[in-house]
Amino acid sequence: MRIHQNILALLIAVVICSCSHKTSKIGVQPFIGVDPIAVETIKSALADVYWIEVVVLPEIEMPDGSFINVKSPRYRTIIR
């Protein structure tokens, strides 16, 4: 019985020590000209699904080379 108490105490200590007070954030950076309502909808959906703070970053221009015409015309996804 004593071993179970020691294991339980160790597990509780690990859980307490592993809890971090750092907050995570998701950044959404829209391209210039994107509908602000769409950006707000995406921000709200991410916050609701992941329960995390979502920050809308300043708009940027669409990078050169993001449009490709291989197989079918489309834009590449940019993930950083």
PDB file of N, CA and C in Angstrom:
ATOM      1  N   MET A   1       0.815  -1.195   0.000  1.00  0.00           N
ATOM      2  CA  MET A   1       0.000   0.000   0.000  1.00  0.00           C
ATOM      3  C   MET A   1       0.860   1.262   0.000  1.00  0.00           C
ATOM      4  N   ARG A   2       1.975   1.171   0.705  1.00  0.00           N
ATOM      5  CA  ARG A   2       2.889   2.306   0.789  1.00  0.00           C
ATOM      6  C   ARG A   2       3.458   2.644  -0.594  1.00  0.00           C
ATOM      7  N   ILE A   3       3.708   1.628  -1.420  1.00  0.00           N
ATOM      8  CA  ILE A   3       4.245   1.845  -2.765  1.00  0.00           C
ATOM      9  C   ILE A   3       3.230   2.617  -3.607  1.00  0.00           C
ATOM     10  N   HIS A   4       1.956   2.285  -3.492  1.00  0.00           N
ATOM     11  CA  HIS A   4       0.916   2.973  -4.250  1.00  0.00           C
ATOM     12  C   HIS A   4       0.834   4.451  -3.853  1.00  0.00           C
ATOM     13  N   GLN A   5       1.005   4.727  -2.566  1.00  0.00           N
ATOM     14  CA  GLN A   5       0.978   6.115  -2.108  1.00  0.00           C
ATOM     15  C   GLN A   5       2.166   6.888  -2.664  1.00  0.00           C
ATOM     16  N   ASN A   6       3.330   6.249  -2.713  1.00  0.00           N
ATOM     17  CA  ASN A   6       4.521   6.912  -3.258  1.00  0.00           C
ATOM     18  C   ASN A   6       4.366   7.173  -4.753  1.00  0.00           C
ATOM     19  N   ILE A   7       3.816   6.201  -5.477  1.00  0.00           N
ATOM     20  CA  ILE A   7       3.602   6.379  -6.914  1.00  0.00           C
ATOM     21  C   ILE A   7       2.589   7.489  -7.153  1.00  0.00           C
ATOM     22  N   LEU A   8       1.510   7.506  -6.371  1.00  0.00           N
ATOM     23  CA  LEU A   8       0.502   8.558  -6.500  1.00  0.00           C
ATOM     24  C   LEU A   8       1.112   9.928  -6.211  1.00  0.00           C
ATOM     25  N   ALA A   9       1.931  10.018  -5.170  1.00  0.00           N
ATOM     26  CA  ALA A   9       2.588  11.284  -4.831  1.00  0.00           C
ATOM     27  C   ALA A   9       3.518  11.724  -5.957  1.00  0.00           C
ATOM     28  N   LEU A  10       4.234  10.788  -6.549  1.00  0.00           N
ATOM     29  CA  LEU A  10       5.130  11.100  -7.660  1.00  0.00           C
ATOM     30  C   LEU A  10       4.344  11.593  -8.866  1.00  0.00           C
ATOM     31  N   LEU A  11       3.240  10.929  -9.184  1.00  0.00           N
ATOM     32  CA  LEU A  11       2.413  11.344 -10.314  1.00  0.00           C
ATOM     33  C   LEU A  11       1.834  12.740 -10.100  1.00  0.00           C
ATOM     34  N   ILE A  12       1.384  13.005  -8.896  1.00  0.00           N
ATOM     35  CA  ILE A  12       0.849  14.340  -8.598  1.00  0.00           C
ATOM     36  C   ILE A  12       1.950  15.393  -8.749  1.00  0.00           C
ATOM     37  N   ALA A  13       3.146  15.094  -8.289  1.00  0.00           N
ATOM     38  CA  ALA A  13       4.260  16.033  -8.419  1.00  0.00           C
ATOM     39  C   ALA A  13       4.597  16.292  -9.885  1.00  0.00           C
ATOM     40  N   VAL A  14       4.577  15.250 -10.693  1.00  0.00           N
ATOM     41  CA  VAL A  14       4.871  15.408 -12.124  1.00  0.00           C
ATOM     42  C   VAL A  14       3.811  16.270 -12.790  1.00  0.00           C
ATOM     43  N   VAL A  15       2.561  16.033 -12.477  1.00  0.00           N
ATOM     44  CA  VAL A  15       1.479  16.816 -13.079  1.00  0.00           C
ATOM     45  C   VAL A  15       1.584  18.276 -12.678  1.00  0.00           C
ATOM     46  N   ILE A  16       1.847  18.536 -11.407  1.00  0.00           N
ATOM     47  CA  ILE A  16       1.963  19.918 -10.940  1.00  0.00           C
ATOM     48  C   ILE A  16       3.156  20.612 -11.590  1.00  0.00           C
ATOM     49  N   CYS A  17       4.274  19.926 -11.696  1.00  0.00           N
ATOM     50  CA  CYS A  17       5.473  20.525 -12.287  1.00  0.00           C
ATOM     51  C   CYS A  17       5.346  20.713 -13.796  1.00  0.00           C
ATOM     52  N   SER A  18       4.546  19.880 -14.438  1.00  0.00           N
ATOM     53  CA  SER A  18       4.426  19.981 -15.887  1.00  0.00           C
ATOM     54  C   SER A  18       3.424  21.041 -16.315  1.00  0.00           C
ATOM     55  N   CYS A  19       2.638  21.524 -15.381  1.00  0.00           N
ATOM     56  CA  CYS A  19       1.683  22.584 -15.709  1.00  0.00           C
ATOM     57  C   CYS A  19       2.458  23.863 -15.968  1.00  0.00           C
ATOM     58  N   SER A  20       2.219  24.438 -17.093  1.00  0.00           N
ATOM     59  CA  SER A  20       2.930  25.647 -17.471  1.00  0.00           C
ATOM     60  C   SER A  20       1.964  26.824 -17.445  1.00  0.00           C
ATOM     61  N   HIS A  21       2.455  27.949 -17.041  1.00  0.00           N
ATOM     62  CA  HIS A  21       1.624  29.137 -17.007  1.00  0.00           C
ATOM     63  C   HIS A  21       1.792  29.959 -18.285  1.00  0.00           C
ATOM     64  N   LYS A  22       2.534  29.438 -19.219  1.00  0.00           N
ATOM     65  CA  LYS A  22       2.701  30.125 -20.497  1.00  0.00           C
ATOM     66  C   LYS A  22       1.404  29.999 -21.285  1.00  0.00           C
ATOM     67  N   THR A  23       1.055  31.050 -21.979  1.00  0.00           N
ATOM     68  CA  THR A  23      -0.138  30.986 -22.810  1.00  0.00           C
ATOM     69  C   THR A  23       0.288  30.859 -24.260  1.00  0.00           C
ATOM     70  N   SER A  24      -0.375  30.013 -24.968  1.00  0.00           N
ATOM     71  CA  SER A  24      -0.096  29.845 -26.391  1.00  0.00           C
ATOM     72  C   SER A  24      -1.015  30.747 -27.184  1.00  0.00           C
ATOM     73  N   LYS A  25      -0.563  31.109 -28.347  1.00  0.00           N
ATOM     74  CA  LYS A  25      -1.345  31.968 -29.234  1.00  0.00           C
ATOM     75  C   LYS A  25      -1.256  31.437 -30.655  1.00  0.00           C
ATOM     76  N   ILE A  26      -2.284  31.723 -31.409  1.00  0.00           N
ATOM     77  CA  ILE A  26      -2.272  31.453 -32.843  1.00  0.00           C
ATOM     78  C   ILE A  26      -2.326  32.801 -33.532  1.00  0.00           C
ATOM     79  N   GLY A  27      -1.470  32.987 -34.516  1.00  0.00           N
ATOM     80  CA  GLY A  27      -1.472  34.222 -35.289  1.00  0.00           C
ATOM     81  C   GLY A  27      -2.076  33.984 -36.666  1.00  0.00           C
ATOM     82  N   VAL A  28      -2.996  34.840 -37.057  1.00  0.00           N
ATOM     83  CA  VAL A  28      -3.603  34.790 -38.385  1.00  0.00           C
ATOM     84  C   VAL A  28      -3.168  36.049 -39.115  1.00  0.00           C
ATOM     85  N   GLN A  29      -2.500  35.856 -40.248  1.00  0.00           N
ATOM     86  CA  GLN A  29      -2.022  37.015 -41.001  1.00  0.00           C
ATOM     87  C   GLN A  29      -2.708  37.038 -42.365  1.00  0.00           C
ATOM     88  N   PRO A  30      -3.702  37.901 -42.521  1.00  0.00           N
ATOM     89  CA  PRO A  30      -4.434  37.956 -43.790  1.00  0.00           C
ATOM     90  C   PRO A  30      -3.642  38.693 -44.870  1.00  0.00           C
ATOM     91  N   PHE A  31      -4.001  38.383 -46.101  1.00  0.00           N
ATOM     92  CA  PHE A  31      -3.437  39.110 -47.230  1.00  0.00           C
ATOM     93  C   PHE A  31      -4.229  40.389 -47.437  1.00  0.00           C
ATOM     94  N   ILE A  32      -3.592  41.373 -48.051  1.00  0.00           N
ATOM     95  CA  ILE A  32      -4.265  42.645 -48.329  1.00  0.00           C
ATOM     96  C   ILE A  32      -5.486  42.373 -49.211  1.00  0.00           C
ATOM     97  N   GLY A  33      -6.605  42.952 -48.819  1.00  0.00           N
ATOM     98  CA  GLY A  33      -7.827  42.819 -49.605  1.00  0.00           C
ATOM     99  C   GLY A  33      -8.749  41.702 -49.160  1.00  0.00           C
ATOM    100  N   VAL A  34      -8.334  40.900 -48.179  1.00  0.00           N
ATOM    101  CA  VAL A  34      -9.199  39.827 -47.678  1.00  0.00           C
ATOM    102  C   VAL A  34     -10.333  40.461 -46.873  1.00  0.00           C
ATOM    103  N   ASP A  35     -11.538  39.921 -47.037  1.00  0.00           N
ATOM    104  CA  ASP A  35     -12.713  40.432 -46.355  1.00  0.00           C
ATOM    105  C   ASP A  35     -12.519  40.375 -44.837  1.00  0.00           C
ATOM    106  N   PRO A  36     -12.639  41.508 -44.143  1.00  0.00           N
ATOM    107  CA  PRO A  36     -12.450  41.526 -42.684  1.00  0.00           C
ATOM    108  C   PRO A  36     -13.450  40.622 -41.945  1.00  0.00           C
ATOM    109  N   ILE A  37     -14.619  40.435 -42.491  1.00  0.00           N
ATOM    110  CA  ILE A  37     -15.604  39.549 -41.862  1.00  0.00           C
ATOM    111  C   ILE A  37     -15.111  38.101 -41.911  1.00  0.00           C
ATOM    112  N   ALA A  38     -14.476  37.721 -43.023  1.00  0.00           N
ATOM    113  CA  ALA A  38     -13.918  36.361 -43.135  1.00  0.00           C
ATOM    114  C   ALA A  38     -12.789  36.168 -42.127  1.00  0.00           C
ATOM    115  N   VAL A  39     -11.963  37.179 -41.955  1.00  0.00           N
ATOM    116  CA  VAL A  39     -10.855  37.089 -40.988  1.00  0.00           C
ATOM    117  C   VAL A  39     -11.409  36.929 -39.570  1.00  0.00           C
ATOM    118  N   GLU A  40     -12.430  37.701 -39.232  1.00  0.00           N
ATOM    119  CA  GLU A  40     -13.034  37.608 -37.899  1.00  0.00           C
ATOM    120  C   GLU A  40     -13.699  36.251 -37.686  1.00  0.00           C
ATOM    121  N   THR A  41     -14.324  35.719 -38.741  1.00  0.00           N
ATOM    122  CA  THR A  41     -14.950  34.393 -38.652  1.00  0.00           C
ATOM    123  C   THR A  41     -13.900  33.318 -38.396  1.00  0.00           C
ATOM    124  N   ILE A  42     -12.785  33.386 -39.108  1.00  0.00           N
ATOM    125  CA  ILE A  42     -11.693  32.420 -38.918  1.00  0.00           C
ATOM    126  C   ILE A  42     -11.121  32.549 -37.514  1.00  0.00           C
ATOM    127  N   LYS A  43     -10.923  33.782 -37.057  1.00  0.00           N
ATOM    128  CA  LYS A  43     -10.398  34.016 -35.712  1.00  0.00           C
ATOM    129  C   LYS A  43     -11.322  33.404 -34.661  1.00  0.00           C
ATOM    130  N   SER A  44     -12.614  33.648 -34.786  1.00  0.00           N
ATOM    131  CA  SER A  44     -13.586  33.117 -33.819  1.00  0.00           C
ATOM    132  C   SER A  44     -13.634  31.593 -33.847  1.00  0.00           C
ATOM    133  N   ALA A  45     -13.594  31.014 -35.052  1.00  0.00           N
ATOM    134  CA  ALA A  45     -13.647  29.554 -35.174  1.00  0.00           C
ATOM    135  C   ALA A  45     -12.425  28.910 -34.532  1.00  0.00           C
ATOM    136  N   LEU A  46     -11.240  29.464 -34.768  1.00  0.00           N
ATOM    137  CA  LEU A  46     -10.024  28.916 -34.158  1.00  0.00           C
ATOM    138  C   LEU A  46     -10.073  29.018 -32.632  1.00  0.00           C
ATOM    139  N   ALA A  47     -10.538  30.157 -32.140  1.00  0.00           N
ATOM    140  CA  ALA A  47     -10.619  30.343 -30.688  1.00  0.00           C
ATOM    141  C   ALA A  47     -11.629  29.381 -30.068  1.00  0.00           C
ATOM    142  N   ASP A  48     -12.750  29.162 -30.742  1.00  0.00           N
ATOM    143  CA  ASP A  48     -13.783  28.261 -30.215  1.00  0.00           C
ATOM    144  C   ASP A  48     -13.337  26.803 -30.231  1.00  0.00           C
ATOM    145  N   VAL A  49     -12.675  26.393 -31.307  1.00  0.00           N
ATOM    146  CA  VAL A  49     -12.281  24.990 -31.451  1.00  0.00           C
ATOM    147  C   VAL A  49     -11.096  24.646 -30.560  1.00  0.00           C
ATOM    148  N   TYR A  50     -10.077  25.504 -30.546  1.00  0.00           N
ATOM    149  CA  TYR A  50      -8.842  25.176 -29.841  1.00  0.00           C
ATOM    150  C   TYR A  50      -8.724  25.821 -28.457  1.00  0.00           C
ATOM    151  N   TRP A  51      -9.680  26.644 -28.069  1.00  0.00           N
ATOM    152  CA  TRP A  51      -9.659  27.320 -26.767  1.00  0.00           C
ATOM    153  C   TRP A  51      -8.318  27.986 -26.529  1.00  0.00           C
ATOM    154  N   ILE A  52      -7.934  28.807 -27.472  1.00  0.00           N
ATOM    155  CA  ILE A  52      -6.629  29.447 -27.424  1.00  0.00           C
ATOM    156  C   ILE A  52      -6.792  30.884 -27.918  1.00  0.00           C
ATOM    157  N   GLU A  53      -5.898  31.748 -27.476  1.00  0.00           N
ATOM    158  CA  GLU A  53      -5.955  33.139 -27.919  1.00  0.00           C
ATOM    159  C   GLU A  53      -5.527  33.234 -29.382  1.00  0.00           C
ATOM    160  N   VAL A  54      -6.307  33.953 -30.168  1.00  0.00           N
ATOM    161  CA  VAL A  54      -5.999  34.137 -31.592  1.00  0.00           C
ATOM    162  C   VAL A  54      -5.749  35.622 -31.821  1.00  0.00           C
ATOM    163  N   VAL A  55      -4.629  35.921 -32.460  1.00  0.00           N
ATOM    164  CA  VAL A  55      -4.233  37.293 -32.727  1.00  0.00           C
ATOM    165  C   VAL A  55      -4.236  37.512 -34.237  1.00  0.00           C
ATOM    166  N   VAL A  56      -4.885  38.597 -34.675  1.00  0.00           N
ATOM    167  CA  VAL A  56      -4.861  38.939 -36.095  1.00  0.00           C
ATOM    168  C   VAL A  56      -3.685  39.873 -36.321  1.00  0.00           C
ATOM    169  N   LEU A  57      -2.753  39.429 -37.159  1.00  0.00           N
ATOM    170  CA  LEU A  57      -1.544  40.193 -37.470  1.00  0.00           C
ATOM    171  C   LEU A  57      -1.837  41.181 -38.589  1.00  0.00           C
ATOM    172  N   PRO A  58      -0.949  42.125 -38.826  1.00  0.00           N
ATOM    173  CA  PRO A  58      -1.155  43.090 -39.911  1.00  0.00           C
ATOM    174  C   PRO A  58      -1.225  42.395 -41.278  1.00  0.00           C
ATOM    175  N   GLU A  59      -1.986  43.004 -42.187  1.00  0.00           N
ATOM    176  CA  GLU A  59      -2.106  42.443 -43.540  1.00  0.00           C
ATOM    177  C   GLU A  59      -0.770  42.517 -44.273  1.00  0.00           C
ATOM    178  N   ILE A  60      -0.550  41.531 -45.143  1.00  0.00           N
ATOM    179  CA  ILE A  60       0.641  41.523 -45.995  1.00  0.00           C
ATOM    180  C   ILE A  60       0.211  41.302 -47.439  1.00  0.00           C
ATOM    181  N   GLU A  61       1.111  41.618 -48.365  1.00  0.00           N
ATOM    182  CA  GLU A  61       0.823  41.386 -49.782  1.00  0.00           C
ATOM    183  C   GLU A  61       0.993  39.909 -50.105  1.00  0.00           C
ATOM    184  N   MET A  62       0.273  39.453 -51.107  1.00  0.00           N
ATOM    185  CA  MET A  62       0.400  38.071 -51.567  1.00  0.00           C
ATOM    186  C   MET A  62       1.816  37.880 -52.118  1.00  0.00           C
ATOM    187  N   PRO A  63       2.564  36.900 -51.601  1.00  0.00           N
ATOM    188  CA  PRO A  63       3.944  36.695 -52.071  1.00  0.00           C
ATOM    189  C   PRO A  63       3.994  36.300 -53.550  1.00  0.00           C
ATOM    190  N   ASP A  64       5.035  36.781 -54.224  1.00  0.00           N
ATOM    191  CA  ASP A  64       5.251  36.350 -55.607  1.00  0.00           C
ATOM    192  C   ASP A  64       5.523  34.856 -55.610  1.00  0.00           C
ATOM    193  N   GLY A  65       5.030  34.169 -56.589  1.00  0.00           N
ATOM    194  CA  GLY A  65       5.260  32.740 -56.691  1.00  0.00           C
ATOM    195  C   GLY A  65       4.254  31.907 -55.928  1.00  0.00           C
ATOM    196  N   SER A  66       3.264  32.551 -55.321  1.00  0.00           N
ATOM    197  CA  SER A  66       2.279  31.772 -54.576  1.00  0.00           C
ATOM    198  C   SER A  66       1.236  31.155 -55.509  1.00  0.00           C
ATOM    199  N   PHE A  67       1.081  31.718 -56.709  1.00  0.00           N
ATOM    200  CA  PHE A  67       0.138  31.161 -57.679  1.00  0.00           C
ATOM    201  C   PHE A  67       0.880  30.199 -58.596  1.00  0.00           C
ATOM    202  N   ILE A  68       0.341  28.971 -58.728  1.00  0.00           N
ATOM    203  CA  ILE A  68       0.950  27.993 -59.634  1.00  0.00           C
ATOM    204  C   ILE A  68      -0.107  27.513 -60.613  1.00  0.00           C
ATOM    205  N   ASN A  69       0.373  27.098 -61.771  1.00  0.00           N
ATOM    206  CA  ASN A  69      -0.539  26.629 -62.805  1.00  0.00           C
ATOM    207  C   ASN A  69      -0.129  25.221 -63.228  1.00  0.00           C
ATOM    208  N   VAL A  70       0.095  24.353 -62.248  1.00  0.00           N
ATOM    209  CA  VAL A  70       0.450  22.963 -62.504  1.00  0.00           C
ATOM    210  C   VAL A  70      -0.798  22.135 -62.232  1.00  0.00           C
ATOM    211  N   LYS A  71      -1.186  21.308 -63.166  1.00  0.00           N
ATOM    212  CA  LYS A  71      -2.415  20.510 -63.109  1.00  0.00           C
ATOM    213  C   LYS A  71      -3.643  21.401 -63.178  1.00  0.00           C
ATOM    214  N   SER A  72      -3.795  22.282 -62.205  1.00  0.00           N
ATOM    215  CA  SER A  72      -4.912  23.232 -62.234  1.00  0.00           C
ATOM    216  C   SER A  72      -4.450  24.525 -61.571  1.00  0.00           C
ATOM    217  N   PRO A  73      -4.949  25.672 -62.021  1.00  0.00           N
ATOM    218  CA  PRO A  73      -4.523  26.936 -61.421  1.00  0.00           C
ATOM    219  C   PRO A  73      -4.947  27.020 -59.951  1.00  0.00           C
ATOM    220  N   ARG A  74      -4.003  27.362 -59.087  1.00  0.00           N
ATOM    221  CA  ARG A  74      -4.319  27.466 -57.658  1.00  0.00           C
ATOM    222  C   ARG A  74      -3.212  28.237 -56.939  1.00  0.00           C
ATOM    223  N   TYR A  75      -3.500  28.562 -55.690  1.00  0.00           N
ATOM    224  CA  TYR A  75      -2.525  29.226 -54.836  1.00  0.00           C
ATOM    225  C   TYR A  75      -1.905  28.208 -53.890  1.00  0.00           C
ATOM    226  N   ARG A  76      -0.628  28.359 -53.630  1.00  0.00           N
ATOM    227  CA  ARG A  76       0.059  27.481 -52.683  1.00  0.00           C
ATOM    228  C   ARG A  76      -0.258  27.923 -51.254  1.00  0.00           C
ATOM    229  N   THR A  77      -0.217  26.959 -50.359  1.00  0.00           N
ATOM    230  CA  THR A  77      -0.392  27.264 -48.947  1.00  0.00           C
ATOM    231  C   THR A  77       0.955  27.646 -48.365  1.00  0.00           C
ATOM    232  N   ILE A  78       0.943  28.695 -47.575  1.00  0.00           N
ATOM    233  CA  ILE A  78       2.177  29.150 -46.946  1.00  0.00           C
ATOM    234  C   ILE A  78       2.024  28.942 -45.457  1.00  0.00           C
ATOM    235  N   ILE A  79       2.845  28.079 -44.887  1.00  0.00           N
ATOM    236  CA  ILE A  79       2.802  27.791 -43.456  1.00  0.00           C
ATOM    237  C   ILE A  79       4.178  28.110 -42.871  1.00  0.00           C
ATOM    238  N   ARG A  80       4.169  28.923 -41.832  1.00  0.00           N
ATOM    239  CA  ARG A  80       5.446  29.302 -41.191  1.00  0.00           C
ATOM    240  C   ARG A  80       5.408  28.964 -39.748  1.00  0.00           C
TER     241      ARG A  80
END
